[in-house]
C-alpha atoms as a PDB file:
ATOM      1  CA  LYS A   1     131.375-100.296  80.941  1.00  0.00           C
ATOM      2  CA  GLN A   2     133.695-101.100  78.021  1.00  0.00           C
ATOM      3  CA  MET A   3     131.540-104.196  77.298  1.00  0.00           C
ATOM      4  CA  LEU A   4     128.344-102.056  77.519  1.00  0.00           C
ATOM      5  CA  VAL A   5     129.813 -99.590  75.030  1.00  0.00           C
ATOM      6  CA  ALA A   6     130.807-102.245  72.625  1.00  0.00           C
ATOM      7  CA  LEU A   7     127.440-103.953  72.787  1.00  0.00           C
ATOM      8  CA  LYS A   8     125.719-100.645  72.320  1.00  0.00           C
ATOM      9  CA  ALA A   9     127.960 -99.964  69.120  1.00  0.00           C
ATOM     10  CA  LEU A  10     127.362-103.609  67.824  1.00  0.00           C
ATOM     11  CA  PRO A  11     127.839-103.435  63.972  1.00  0.00           C
ATOM     12  CA  ALA A  12     124.562-105.345  63.478  1.00  0.00           C
ATOM     13  CA  ARG A  13     122.605-102.230  64.731  1.00  0.00           C
ATOM     14  CA  ALA A  14     123.954 -99.974  61.976  1.00  0.00           C
ATOM     15  CA  GLU A  15     123.558-102.758  59.403  1.00  0.00           C
ATOM     16  CA  HIS A  16     119.975-103.310  60.483  1.00  0.00           C
ATOM     17  CA  ASP A  17     119.252 -99.615  60.141  1.00  0.00           C
ATOM     18  CA  VAL A  18     120.792 -99.496  56.591  1.00  0.00           C
ATOM     19  CA  ILE A  19     119.010-102.399  55.293  1.00  0.00           C
ATOM     20  CA  ALA A  20     115.710-101.356  56.921  1.00  0.00           C
ATOM     21  CA  GLN A  21     115.985 -97.968  55.064  1.00  0.00           C
ATOM     22  CA  GLN A  22     116.785 -99.589  51.889  1.00  0.00           C
ATOM     23  CA  TYR A  23     113.637-101.728  52.114  1.00  0.00           C
ATOM     24  CA  ALA A  24     111.528 -98.773  53.246  1.00  0.00           C
ATOM     25  CA  ARG A  25     112.582 -96.884  50.099  1.00  0.00           C
ATOM     26  CA  GLN A  26     111.687 -99.838  47.953  1.00  0.00           C
ATOM     27  CA  LEU A  27     108.484-100.219  49.595  1.00  0.00           C
ATOM     28  CA  GLU A  28     107.569 -96.506  49.151  1.00  0.00           C
ATOM     29  CA  ARG A  29     108.449 -96.778  45.365  1.00  0.00           C
ATOM     30  CA  LEU A  30     106.411 -99.948  45.029  1.00  0.00           C
ATOM     31  CA  SER A  31     103.517 -98.448  46.861  1.00  0.00           C
ATOM     32  CA  HIS A  32     103.691 -95.311  44.662  1.00  0.00           C
ATOM     33  CA  ARG A  33     103.643 -97.420  41.487  1.00  0.00           C
ATOM     34  CA  HIS A  34     100.741 -99.700  42.779  1.00  0.00           C
ATOM     35  CA  ARG A  35      98.668 -96.566  43.649  1.00  0.00           C
ATOM     36  CA  GLN A  36      98.913 -95.245  40.108  1.00  0.00           C
ATOM     37  CA  ARG A  37      98.026 -98.665  38.758  1.00  0.00           C
ATOM     38  CA  LYS A  38      94.969 -98.870  41.074  1.00  0.00           C
ATOM     39  CA  VAL A  39      93.861 -95.319  39.833  1.00  0.00           C
ATOM     40  CA  GLN A  40      94.027 -96.661  36.293  1.00  0.00           C
ATOM     41  CA  ARG A  41      92.202 -99.902  37.152  1.00  0.00           C
ATOM     42  CA  ASP A  42      89.389 -97.902  38.930  1.00  0.00           C
ATOM     43  CA  ARG A  43      89.135 -95.730  35.603  1.00  0.00           C
ATOM     44  CA  ASP A  44      89.006 -98.931  33.580  1.00  0.00           C
ATOM     45  CA  ARG A  45      86.410-100.663  35.787  1.00  0.00           C
ATOM     46  CA  ALA A  46      84.156 -97.478  35.644  1.00  0.00           C
ATOM     47  CA  HIS A  47      84.597 -97.524  31.695  1.00  0.00           C
ATOM     48  CA  TYR A  48      83.657-101.108  31.479  1.00  0.00           C
ATOM     49  CA  ASN A  49      80.706-100.843  33.770  1.00  0.00           C
ATOM     50  CA  ASN A  50      79.284 -97.830  31.671  1.00  0.00           C
ATOM     51  CA  THR A  51      75.855 -98.791  30.322  1.00  0.00           C
ATOM     52  CA  HIS A  52      76.670 -97.886  26.750  1.00  0.00           C
ATOM     53  CA  TYR A  53      79.995 -99.920  26.958  1.00  0.00           C
ATOM     54  CA  LYS A  54      78.100-102.864  28.259  1.00  0.00           C
ATOM     55  CA  ASN A  55      75.579-102.743  25.511  1.00  0.00           C
ATOM     56  CA  THR A  56      78.229-102.708  22.781  1.00  0.00           C
ATOM     57  CA  MET A  57      80.795-105.343  24.298  1.00  0.00           C
ATOM     58  CA  GLN A  58      80.208-109.128  24.336  1.00  0.00           C
ATOM     59  CA  GLY A  59      79.451-110.538  27.840  1.00  0.00           C
ATOM     60  CA  SER A  60      82.467-112.951  27.717  1.00  0.00           C
ATOM     61  CA  ALA A  61      84.836-110.004  26.664  1.00  0.00           C
ATOM     62  CA  LEU A  62      83.575-107.915  29.527  1.00  0.00           C
ATOM     63  CA  THR A  63      84.055-110.652  32.001  1.00  0.00           C
ATOM     64  CA  ALA A  64      87.587-111.232  30.730  1.00  0.00           C
ATOM     65  CA  ALA A  65      88.511-107.496  31.025  1.00  0.00           C
ATOM     66  CA  LEU A  66      87.176-107.248  34.603  1.00  0.00           C
ATOM     67  CA  SER A  67      88.989-110.535  35.433  1.00  0.00           C
ATOM     68  CA  SER A  68      92.170-109.115  34.094  1.00  0.00           C
ATOM     69  CA  LEU A  69      92.012-106.177  36.423  1.00  0.00           C
ATOM     70  CA  ALA A  70      91.365-108.311  39.271  1.00  0.00           C
ATOM     71  CA  GLN A  71      94.362-110.387  38.480  1.00  0.00           C
ATOM     72  CA  GLU A  72      96.457-107.262  38.167  1.00  0.00           C
ATOM     73  CA  SER A  73      95.331-106.208  41.699  1.00  0.00           C
ATOM     74  CA  GLN A  74      96.357-109.627  43.099  1.00  0.00           C
ATOM     75  CA  GLN A  75      99.693-109.486  41.345  1.00  0.00           C
ATOM     76  CA  ASP A  76     100.313-106.057  43.086  1.00  0.00           C
ATOM     77  CA  SER A  77      99.493-107.426  46.494  1.00  0.00           C
ATOM     78  CA  THR A  78     101.612-110.553  45.954  1.00  0.00           C
ATOM     79  CA  GLU A  79     104.496-108.229  44.811  1.00  0.00           C
ATOM     80  CA  LYS A  80     104.227-106.179  47.908  1.00  0.00           C
ATOM     81  CA  ARG A  81     103.918-109.204  50.268  1.00  0.00           C
ATOM     82  CA  ARG A  82     106.987-110.852  48.684  1.00  0.00           C
ATOM     83  CA  LEU A  83     108.969-107.684  49.202  1.00  0.00           C
ATOM     84  CA  LYS A  84     107.871-107.573  52.907  1.00  0.00           C
ATOM     85  CA  GLN A  85     108.957-111.265  53.217  1.00  0.00           C
ATOM     86  CA  ALA A  86     112.334-110.397  51.856  1.00  0.00           C
ATOM     87  CA  LYS A  87     112.796-107.667  54.224  1.00  0.00           C
ATOM     88  CA  THR A  88     111.944-109.819  57.167  1.00  0.00           C
ATOM     89  CA  GLN A  89     114.243-112.514  55.951  1.00  0.00           C
ATOM     90  CA  ALA A  90     117.180-110.053  55.555  1.00  0.00           C
ATOM     91  CA  LEU A  91     116.622-108.577  58.958  1.00  0.00           C
ATOM     92  CA  ARG A  92     115.853-111.657  60.995  1.00  0.00           C
ATOM     93  CA  PRO A  93     119.576-112.692  61.810  1.00  0.00           C
ATOM     94  CA  LEU A  94     120.455-108.926  62.603  1.00  0.00           C
ATOM     95  CA  LEU A  95     117.459-108.672  64.886  1.00  0.00           C
ATOM     96  CA  GLU A  96     118.434-111.892  66.569  1.00  0.00           C
ATOM     97  CA  ALA A  97     121.954-110.577  67.103  1.00  0.00           C
ATOM     98  CA  ILE A  98     120.607-107.327  68.406  1.00  0.00           C
ATOM     99  CA  ALA A  99     118.338-109.042  70.834  1.00  0.00           C
ATOM    100  CA  GLN A 100     121.141-111.238  72.140  1.00  0.00           C
ATOM    101  CA  ALA A 101     123.203-108.053  72.646  1.00  0.00           C
ATOM    102  CA  ASP A 102     120.401-106.325  74.440  1.00  0.00           C
ATOM    103  CA  GLU A 103     119.955-109.217  76.772  1.00  0.00           C
ATOM    104  CA  HIS A 104     123.604-109.428  77.509  1.00  0.00           C
ATOM    105  CA  MET A 105     123.542-105.486  78.135  1.00  0.00           C
ATOM    106  CA  ARG A 106     120.666-106.054  80.640  1.00  0.00           C
ATOM    107  CA  VAL A 107     122.507-108.707  82.553  1.00  0.00           C
ATOM    108  CA  LEU A 108     125.663-106.498  82.518  1.00  0.00           C
ATOM    109  CA  LYS A 109     123.768-103.456  83.781  1.00  0.00           C
ATOM    110  CA  GLN A 110     122.458-105.516  86.796  1.00  0.00           C
ATOM    111  CA  ARG A 111     126.021-106.663  87.513  1.00  0.00           C
ATOM    112  CA  TYR A 112     127.192-103.151  87.161  1.00  0.00           C
ATOM    113  CA  THR A 113     124.573-101.900  89.507  1.00  0.00           C
ATOM    114  CA  ALA A 114     125.438-104.523  92.221  1.00  0.00           C
ATOM    115  CA  LEU A 115     129.092-103.893  91.889  1.00  0.00           C
ATOM    116  CA  SER A 116     128.649-100.173  92.009  1.00  0.00           C
ATOM    117  CA  LYS A 117     126.607-100.463  95.261  1.00  0.00           C
ATOM    118  CA  ALA A 118     129.195-102.875  96.781  1.00  0.00           C
ATOM    119  CA  TRP A 119     131.934-100.554  95.691  1.00  0.00           C
ATOM    120  CA  GLN A 120     130.279 -97.543  97.218  1.00  0.00           C
ATOM    121  CA  ALA A 121     129.609 -99.466 100.448  1.00  0.00           C
ATOM    122  CA  GLU A 122     133.259-100.233 100.729  1.00  0.00           C
ATOM    123  CA  LEU A 123     134.274 -96.683 100.120  1.00  0.00           C
ATOM    124  CA  HIS A 124     131.850 -95.547 102.758  1.00  0.00           C
ATOM    125  CA  HIS A 125     133.142 -98.040 105.298  1.00  0.00           C
ATOM    126  CA  ALA A 126     136.723 -96.798 104.677  1.00  0.00           C
ATOM    127  CA  TYR A 127     135.620 -93.173 104.924  1.00  0.00           C
ATOM    128  CA  VAL A 128     133.946 -93.812 108.296  1.00  0.00           C
ATOM    129  CA  ARG A 129     137.041 -95.615 109.570  1.00  0.00           C
ATOM    130  CA  GLN A 130     139.193 -92.536 108.541  1.00  0.00           C
ATOM    131  CA  HIS A 131     136.599 -90.131 109.905  1.00  0.00           C
ATOM    132  CA  LYS A 132     136.698 -91.808 113.392  1.00  0.00           C
ATOM    133  CA  SER A 133     140.522 -91.711 113.412  1.00  0.00           C
ATOM    134  CA  THR A 134     140.630 -88.103 112.069  1.00  0.00           C
ATOM    135  CA  PRO A 135     137.385 -86.430 113.017  1.00  0.00           C
ATOM    136  CA  VAL A 136     136.126 -83.400 111.136  1.00  0.00           C
ATOM    137  CA  ALA A 137     133.787 -80.679 112.482  1.00  0.00           C
ATOM    138  CA  PRO A 138     130.222 -81.694 112.306  1.00  0.00           C
ATOM    139  CA  LEU A 139     128.009 -80.074 109.723  1.00  0.00           C
ATOM    140  CA  PRO A 140     125.887 -77.053 111.009  1.00  0.00           C
ATOM    141  CA  ILE A 141     122.314 -78.148 111.263  1.00  0.00           C
ATOM    142  CA  VAL A 142     119.928 -75.283 110.825  1.00  0.00           C
ATOM    143  CA  TYR A 143     116.781 -77.273 111.605  1.00  0.00           C
ATOM    144  CA  GLN A 144     115.904 -80.866 112.274  1.00  0.00           C
ATOM    145  CA  ASP A 145     112.776 -82.950 113.014  1.00  0.00           C
ATOM    146  CA  GLU A 146     111.384 -86.425 112.419  1.00  0.00           C
ATOM    147  CA  ALA A 147     111.023 -85.701 108.572  1.00  0.00           C
ATOM    148  CA  LEU A 148     113.786 -83.398 107.493  1.00  0.00           C
ATOM    149  CA  MET A 149     117.016 -81.506 108.164  1.00  0.00           C
ATOM    150  CA  VAL A 150     118.250 -78.382 106.746  1.00  0.00           C
ATOM    151  CA  ILE A 151     122.018 -78.140 106.571  1.00  0.00           C
ATOM    152  CA  ASP A 152     124.241 -75.078 106.093  1.00  0.00           C
ATOM    153  CA  LYS A 153     126.741 -76.537 103.652  1.00  0.00           C
ATOM    154  CA  PRO A 154     130.324 -75.033 103.591  1.00  0.00           C
ATOM    155  CA  ALA A 155     131.923 -74.149 100.179  1.00  0.00           C
ATOM    156  CA  GLY A 156     134.209 -76.747  98.794  1.00  0.00           C
ATOM    157  CA  LEU A 157     132.248 -79.804 100.135  1.00  0.00           C
ATOM    158  CA  LEU A 158     130.457 -82.140  97.793  1.00  0.00           C
ATOM    159  CA  SER A 159     126.764 -82.723  98.344  1.00  0.00           C
ATOM    160  CA  VAL A 160     126.984 -86.401  97.848  1.00  0.00           C
ATOM    161  CA  PRO A 161     130.107 -88.781  97.563  1.00  0.00           C
ATOM    162  CA  GLY A 162     131.783 -89.346  94.195  1.00  0.00           C
ATOM    163  CA  ARG A 163     132.849 -92.614  92.589  1.00  0.00           C
ATOM    164  CA  ARG A 164     136.605 -92.353  93.810  1.00  0.00           C
ATOM    165  CA  TYR A 165     137.809 -92.623  97.303  1.00  0.00           C
ATOM    166  CA  HIS A 166     139.328 -89.102  97.361  1.00  0.00           C
ATOM    167  CA  LEU A 167     135.723 -87.781  96.632  1.00  0.00           C
ATOM    168  CA  GLN A 168     134.008 -89.497  99.568  1.00  0.00           C
ATOM    169  CA  ASP A 169     133.894 -86.546 101.786  1.00  0.00           C
ATOM    170  CA  SER A 170     130.408 -84.956 101.380  1.00  0.00           C
ATOM    171  CA  VAL A 171     127.418 -83.699 103.063  1.00  0.00           C
ATOM    172  CA  LEU A 172     125.841 -87.101 103.106  1.00  0.00           C
ATOM    173  CA  SER A 173     128.949 -88.895 104.184  1.00  0.00           C
ATOM    174  CA  ARG A 174     129.437 -86.587 107.043  1.00  0.00           C
ATOM    175  CA  LEU A 175     125.822 -86.841 108.129  1.00  0.00           C
ATOM    176  CA  ARG A 176     126.088 -90.611 108.274  1.00  0.00           C
ATOM    177  CA  CYS A 177     129.147 -90.179 110.514  1.00  0.00           C
ATOM    178  CA  GLN A 178     127.211 -87.828 112.772  1.00  0.00           C
ATOM    179  CA  LEU A 179     124.797 -90.648 113.580  1.00  0.00           C
ATOM    180  CA  PRO A 180     125.228 -92.371 116.993  1.00  0.00           C
ATOM    181  CA  ASP A 181     128.247 -94.866 116.976  1.00  0.00           C
ATOM    182  CA  GLU A 182     126.163 -97.941 117.623  1.00  0.00           C
ATOM    183  CA  LEU A 183     124.272 -97.490 114.441  1.00  0.00           C
ATOM    184  CA  PRO A 184     125.342 -99.636 111.440  1.00  0.00           C
ATOM    185  CA  GLU A 185     127.361 -97.964 108.644  1.00  0.00           C
ATOM    186  CA  GLU A 186     125.362 -99.254 105.550  1.00  0.00           C
ATOM    187  CA  LEU A 187     124.290 -97.034 102.833  1.00  0.00           C
ATOM    188  CA  SER A 188     121.095 -95.032 103.277  1.00  0.00           C
ATOM    189  CA  ASP A 189     118.816 -97.083 101.098  1.00  0.00           C
ATOM    190  CA  GLU A 190     119.883-100.156 103.060  1.00  0.00           C
ATOM    191  CA  LEU A 191     119.217 -98.562 106.467  1.00  0.00           C
ATOM    192  CA  PRO A 192     115.990 -98.995 108.434  1.00  0.00           C
ATOM    193  CA  GLU A 193     113.375 -96.362 107.997  1.00  0.00           C
ATOM    194  CA  GLN A 194     114.135 -94.452 111.122  1.00  0.00           C
ATOM    195  CA  LEU A 195     117.791 -93.996 109.834  1.00  0.00           C
ATOM    196  CA  PHE A 196     116.795 -92.867 106.348  1.00  0.00           C
ATOM    197  CA  ILE A 197     119.148 -89.986 105.223  1.00  0.00           C
ATOM    198  CA  ARG A 198     118.697 -88.788 101.492  1.00  0.00           C
ATOM    199  CA  LEU A 199     119.288 -85.499  99.859  1.00  0.00           C
ATOM    200  CA  VAL A 200     116.432 -83.991  98.118  1.00  0.00           C
ATOM    201  CA  HIS A 201     118.647 -81.570  96.017  1.00  0.00           C
ATOM    202  CA  ARG A 202     122.165 -80.693  95.586  1.00  0.00           C
ATOM    203  CA  LEU A 203     124.432 -77.599  95.654  1.00  0.00           C
ATOM    204  CA  ASP A 204     127.693 -77.293  93.596  1.00  0.00           C
ATOM    205  CA  GLN A 205     130.770 -78.207  95.553  1.00  0.00           C
ATOM    206  CA  ALA A 206     131.922 -74.624  95.279  1.00  0.00           C
ATOM    207  CA  THR A 207     128.509 -73.214  96.469  1.00  0.00           C
ATOM    208  CA  SER A 208     127.745 -72.755 100.103  1.00  0.00           C
ATOM    209  CA  GLY A 209     124.289 -72.473 101.853  1.00  0.00           C
ATOM    210  CA  LEU A 210     120.990 -74.060 102.641  1.00  0.00           C
ATOM    211  CA  LEU A 211     120.558 -77.712 101.844  1.00  0.00           C
ATOM    212  CA  VAL A 212     117.494 -79.829 102.826  1.00  0.00           C
ATOM    213  CA  VAL A 213     117.805 -83.407 103.639  1.00  0.00           C
ATOM    214  CA  ALA A 214     114.865 -85.975 104.042  1.00  0.00           C
ATOM    215  CA  THR A 215     115.010 -88.253 107.005  1.00  0.00           C
ATOM    216  CA  CYS A 216     112.214 -90.627 105.953  1.00  0.00           C
ATOM    217  CA  ALA A 217     110.921 -91.944 102.759  1.00  0.00           C
ATOM    218  CA  ILE A 218     107.539 -90.055 102.805  1.00  0.00           C
ATOM    219  CA  ALA A 219     109.330 -86.732 103.390  1.00  0.00           C
ATOM    220  CA  HIS A 220     111.705 -87.523 100.509  1.00  0.00           C
ATOM    221  CA  ALA A 221     108.951 -88.169  98.102  1.00  0.00           C
ATOM    222  CA  ALA A 222     106.935 -85.121  99.229  1.00  0.00           C
ATOM    223  CA  LEU A 223     109.859 -82.685  98.962  1.00  0.00           C
ATOM    224  CA  SER A 224     111.030 -84.168  95.730  1.00  0.00           C
ATOM    225  CA  THR A 225     107.577 -83.403  94.292  1.00  0.00           C
ATOM    226  CA  GLN A 226     107.886 -79.719  95.465  1.00  0.00           C
ATOM    227  CA  PHE A 227     111.163 -79.344  93.749  1.00  0.00           C
ATOM    228  CA  ALA A 228     109.780 -81.008  90.618  1.00  0.00           C
ATOM    229  CA  GLN A 229     106.699 -78.866  90.557  1.00  0.00           C
ATOM    230  CA  ARG A 230     108.571 -75.779  91.724  1.00  0.00           C
ATOM    231  CA  THR A 231     106.312 -74.908  94.587  1.00  0.00           C
ATOM    232  CA  LEU A 232     109.179 -74.113  96.838  1.00  0.00           C
ATOM    233  CA  CYS A 233     111.549 -71.108  96.601  1.00  0.00           C
ATOM    234  CA  LYS A 234     115.311 -70.958  96.743  1.00  0.00           C
ATOM    235  CA  LYS A 235     117.190 -67.676  96.796  1.00  0.00           C
ATOM    236  CA  TYR A 236     120.850 -67.068  96.368  1.00  0.00           C
ATOM    237  CA  GLU A 237     123.179 -64.238  96.921  1.00  0.00           C
ATOM    238  CA  ALA A 238     126.299 -63.631  94.626  1.00  0.00           C
ATOM    239  CA  ILE A 239     129.056 -61.138  94.025  1.00  0.00           C
ATOM    240  CA  LEU A 240     129.880 -60.598  90.445  1.00  0.00           C
ATOM    241  CA  SER A 241     133.243 -59.972  88.894  1.00  0.00           C
ATOM    242  CA  HIS A 242     132.291 -56.923  86.796  1.00  0.00           C
ATOM    243  CA  PRO A 243     129.863 -54.093  87.074  1.00  0.00           C
ATOM    244  CA  ILE A 244     126.264 -54.534  85.380  1.00  0.00           C
ATOM    245  CA  ASP A 245     124.029 -51.818  83.853  1.00  0.00           C
ATOM    246  CA  VAL A 246     120.599 -53.377  84.856  1.00  0.00           C
ATOM    247  CA  SER A 247     118.952 -53.575  88.180  1.00  0.00           C
ATOM    248  CA  HIS A 248     116.703 -56.443  87.682  1.00  0.00           C
ATOM    249  CA  GLY A 249     115.502 -58.953  85.090  1.00  0.00           C
ATOM    250  CA  VAL A 250     115.067 -62.390  83.993  1.00  0.00           C
ATOM    251  CA  ILE A 251     117.718 -64.587  82.176  1.00  0.00           C
ATOM    252  CA  GLU A 252     116.502 -67.432  79.946  1.00  0.00           C
ATOM    253  CA  LEU A 253     119.137 -69.631  78.186  1.00  0.00           C
ATOM    254  CA  PRO A 254     118.989 -73.109  76.786  1.00  0.00           C
ATOM    255  CA  LEU A 255     121.752 -75.061  78.669  1.00  0.00           C
ATOM    256  CA  TRP A 256     123.531 -78.310  77.484  1.00  0.00           C
ATOM    257  CA  GLY A 257     126.162 -80.269  79.139  1.00  0.00           C
ATOM    258  CA  ASP A 258     128.938 -80.887  76.605  1.00  0.00           C
ATOM    259  CA  PRO A 259     130.279 -84.346  77.073  1.00  0.00           C
ATOM    260  CA  GLN A 260     133.583 -83.071  75.811  1.00  0.00           C
ATOM    261  CA  GLN A 261     133.898 -80.350  78.561  1.00  0.00           C
ATOM    262  CA  ARG A 262     132.277 -81.969  81.618  1.00  0.00           C
ATOM    263  CA  PRO A 263     131.084 -80.690  83.978  1.00  0.00           C
ATOM    264  CA  LYS A 264     130.967 -77.510  82.067  1.00  0.00           C
ATOM    265  CA  GLN A 265     127.630 -76.421  80.613  1.00  0.00           C
ATOM    266  CA  VAL A 266     127.137 -74.363  77.435  1.00  0.00           C
ATOM    267  CA  VAL A 267     124.490 -72.376  75.726  1.00  0.00           C
ATOM    268  CA  ASP A 268     123.086 -74.315  72.866  1.00  0.00           C
ATOM    269  CA  ARG A 269     120.032 -73.044  70.935  1.00  0.00           C
ATOM    270  CA  GLN A 270     119.304 -76.603  69.403  1.00  0.00           C
ATOM    271  CA  ARG A 271     120.209 -79.241  72.148  1.00  0.00           C
ATOM    272  CA  GLY A 272     119.947 -77.112  75.264  1.00  0.00           C
ATOM    273  CA  LYS A 273     117.127 -77.383  77.936  1.00  0.00           C
ATOM    274  CA  PRO A 274     115.359 -74.298  78.936  1.00  0.00           C
ATOM    275  CA  SER A 275     116.543 -72.515  82.075  1.00  0.00           C
ATOM    276  CA  GLN A 276     115.271 -69.258  83.667  1.00  0.00           C
ATOM    277  CA  THR A 277     116.666 -67.258  86.607  1.00  0.00           C
ATOM    278  CA  THR A 278     115.234 -63.901  88.155  1.00  0.00           C
ATOM    279  CA  PHE A 279     117.937 -61.562  89.380  1.00  0.00           C
ATOM    280  CA  THR A 280     118.032 -58.366  91.332  1.00  0.00           C
ATOM    281  CA  GLN A 281     120.858 -56.180  91.939  1.00  0.00           C
ATOM    282  CA  LEU A 282     121.310 -55.488  95.610  1.00  0.00           C
ATOM    283  CA  SER A 283     124.267 -53.226  95.545  1.00  0.00           C
ATOM    284  CA  SER A 284     126.309 -51.775  92.644  1.00  0.00           C
ATOM    285  CA  GLY A 285     129.987 -50.901  92.183  1.00  0.00           C
ATOM    286  CA  GLU A 286     132.912 -52.688  90.779  1.00  0.00           C
ATOM    287  CA  HIS A 287     131.754 -56.028  92.230  1.00  0.00           C
ATOM    288  CA  PRO A 288     127.837 -55.768  92.471  1.00  0.00           C
ATOM    289  CA  ARG A 289     125.901 -58.122  94.925  1.00  0.00           C
ATOM    290  CA  VAL A 290     122.906 -59.690  93.334  1.00  0.00           C
ATOM    291  CA  GLU A 291     119.959 -61.866  94.533  1.00  0.00           C
ATOM    292  CA  LEU A 292     119.366 -64.812  92.306  1.00  0.00           C
ATOM    293  CA  VAL A 293     116.082 -66.835  92.302  1.00  0.00           C
ATOM    294  CA  PRO A 294     116.212 -69.837  89.958  1.00  0.00           C
ATOM    295  CA  GLN A 295     112.981 -70.880  88.300  1.00  0.00           C
ATOM    296  CA  THR A 296     114.532 -74.036  86.960  1.00  0.00           C
ATOM    297  CA  GLY A 297     117.319 -76.252  88.246  1.00  0.00           C
ATOM    298  CA  ARG A 298     119.904 -76.906  85.611  1.00  0.00           C
ATOM    299  CA  THR A 299     123.378 -77.814  86.480  1.00  0.00           C
ATOM    300  CA  HIS A 300     125.537 -74.614  86.965  1.00  0.00           C
ATOM    301  CA  GLN A 301     122.509 -72.541  85.925  1.00  0.00           C
ATOM    302  CA  LEU A 302     123.453 -69.522  88.224  1.00  0.00           C
ATOM    303  CA  ARG A 303     126.938 -69.539  87.123  1.00  0.00           C
ATOM    304  CA  VAL A 304     126.269 -69.763  83.261  1.00  0.00           C
ATOM    305  CA  HIS A 305     123.446 -67.172  83.605  1.00  0.00           C
ATOM    306  CA  MET A 306     125.779 -64.619  85.161  1.00  0.00           C
ATOM    307  CA  ALA A 307     128.700 -65.313  82.919  1.00  0.00           C
ATOM    308  CA  GLN A 308     126.658 -65.448  79.596  1.00  0.00           C
ATOM    309  CA  GLY A 309     123.481 -63.615  80.431  1.00  0.00           C
ATOM    310  CA  LEU A 310     124.941 -60.713  82.288  1.00  0.00           C
ATOM    311  CA  GLN A 311     128.508 -60.996  80.969  1.00  0.00           C
ATOM    312  CA  SER A 312     129.791 -60.799  84.528  1.00  0.00           C
ATOM    313  CA  PRO A 313     130.856 -64.194  85.978  1.00  0.00           C
ATOM    314  CA  ILE A 314     130.404 -64.834  89.654  1.00  0.00           C
ATOM    315  CA  LEU A 315     133.543 -63.636  91.590  1.00  0.00           C
ATOM    316  CA  GLY A 316     135.936 -66.691  92.163  1.00  0.00           C
ATOM    317  CA  ASP A 317     134.368 -68.720  89.380  1.00  0.00           C
ATOM    318  CA  SER A 318     137.335 -70.205  87.582  1.00  0.00           C
ATOM    319  CA  LEU A 319     135.114 -72.376  85.391  1.00  0.00           C
ATOM    320  CA  TYR A 320     133.134 -69.792  83.724  1.00  0.00           C
ATOM    321  CA  GLY A 321     135.237 -66.760  84.517  1.00  0.00           C
ATOM    322  CA  THR A 322     138.984 -66.340  84.830  1.00  0.00           C
ATOM    323  CA  MET A 323     141.223 -67.708  87.521  1.00  0.00           C
ATOM    324  CA  PRO A 324     141.213 -65.179  90.379  1.00  0.00           C
ATOM    325  CA  THR A 325     144.385 -63.884  91.824  1.00  0.00           C
ATOM    326  CA  PRO A 326     144.899 -64.519  94.512  1.00  0.00           C
ATOM    327  CA  PRO A 327     142.567 -67.695  94.505  1.00  0.00           C
ATOM    328  CA  THR A 328     139.419 -67.265  96.284  1.00  0.00           C
ATOM    329  CA  ARG A 329     136.099 -69.089  96.797  1.00  0.00           C
ATOM    330  CA  LEU A 330     133.080 -68.968  94.450  1.00  0.00           C
ATOM    331  CA  HIS A 331     130.916 -66.124  95.895  1.00  0.00           C
ATOM    332  CA  LEU A 332     127.600 -67.979  95.632  1.00  0.00           C
ATOM    333  CA  HIS A 333     125.544 -68.703  98.706  1.00  0.00           C
ATOM    334  CA  ALA A 334     122.125 -70.299  99.037  1.00  0.00           C
ATOM    335  CA  THR A 335     120.604 -67.803 101.515  1.00  0.00           C
ATOM    336  CA  THR A 336     116.762 -68.639 101.658  1.00  0.00           C
ATOM    337  CA  LEU A 337     114.823 -71.819 101.406  1.00  0.00           C
ATOM    338  CA  GLU A 338     110.978 -71.691 101.542  1.00  0.00           C
ATOM    339  CA  LEU A 339     109.086 -74.932 101.516  1.00  0.00           C
ATOM    340  CA  THR A 340     106.044 -76.774 102.914  1.00  0.00           C
ATOM    341  CA  HIS A 341     106.690 -79.244 105.650  1.00  0.00           C
ATOM    342  CA  PRO A 342     106.167 -82.710 103.903  1.00  0.00           C
ATOM    343  CA  LEU A 343     104.162 -84.130 106.950  1.00  0.00           C
ATOM    344  CA  THR A 344     102.355 -81.184 108.690  1.00  0.00           C
ATOM    345  CA  GLY A 345     101.783 -78.988 105.473  1.00  0.00           C
ATOM    346  CA  GLN A 346     103.087 -76.002 107.502  1.00  0.00           C
ATOM    347  CA  ALA A 347     104.949 -73.212 105.402  1.00  0.00           C
ATOM    348  CA  MET A 348     108.558 -73.066 106.596  1.00  0.00           C
ATOM    349  CA  THR A 349     111.229 -70.440 105.743  1.00  0.00           C
ATOM    350  CA  PHE A 350     115.062 -70.971 106.478  1.00  0.00           C
ATOM    351  CA  GLU A 351     117.667 -68.260 106.103  1.00  0.00           C
ATOM    352  CA  SER A 352     121.467 -68.134 106.083  1.00  0.00           C
ATOM    353  CA  ALA A 353     123.422 -64.969 105.663  1.00  0.00           C
ATOM    354  CA  ALA A 354     126.064 -65.011 102.972  1.00  0.00           C
ATOM    355  CA  PRO A 355     129.596 -65.389 104.467  1.00  0.00           C
ATOM    356  CA  PHE A 356     131.085 -62.833 102.143  1.00  0.00           C
END
């Protein structure tokens, strides 16, 4: 990764941009001067070709004048061509260095991908061995068939494993361990088709509730399309930390993941991506209960929309609110999932009551 960062920040890239901009300005100035000269030449030609002027000017003199204008035009073309040649010559060694760096980056990225897959496989094997020696409770499966599973994810569990060993416990990891013992322990994309397990979407680690998992490639593609086209519906329930003075509405905020505050999202009017959530207050009081229907799927969208849009962070949200005393879970639960079955086309609705 350090080598990739260094190659991306290769000094030749910045030097190329500076020189290219310098030549671009020179070409613009030259083109402007040439345009002015051409306008004047066109006027001179029109003057020389005037019938009255032709009758009063000797034939050889007229020919010489028109020839001079043609030579001036050729000189302008030559001047522009030489400037472009100088630009090409100045940039050639830089472009060669950049091309070499890009090729090196391509090879490194391939190696990085292979190493990452091998590393994740080793982590998964270690997790499975630990899981067998110290079993954990199986994940609650709300629905299962040949195409998909719907899981009721507990709060505090990752949706997919992280890059470090202590972050291997996840919905995906546990589902792999819930397979029969005689099945191989490879990663999902290396398993036979009948053992395909892949999440279609994710829930934050702190969020609980319904999560859909594809169990074949066709279902994964179809369900992913439903998410991308927003043809399915997800509903959440949350308890807020402060009273709100509106019963329903729509929150729209541009969200941006600040690299200096990962994984925190911020509202950024210039760089943020649009996000929209419909909310309805289900009960009022000191800690109102709300139903949330996200129309987009930005990271931490519901949490930011409550904290910034309603000025009432979700209860237990230490990232966008204040650390609760005593510490408590994030009161956000995915209660309803409405989708079209990827194989049969049947409309399906799944529900899970909020555990708070």
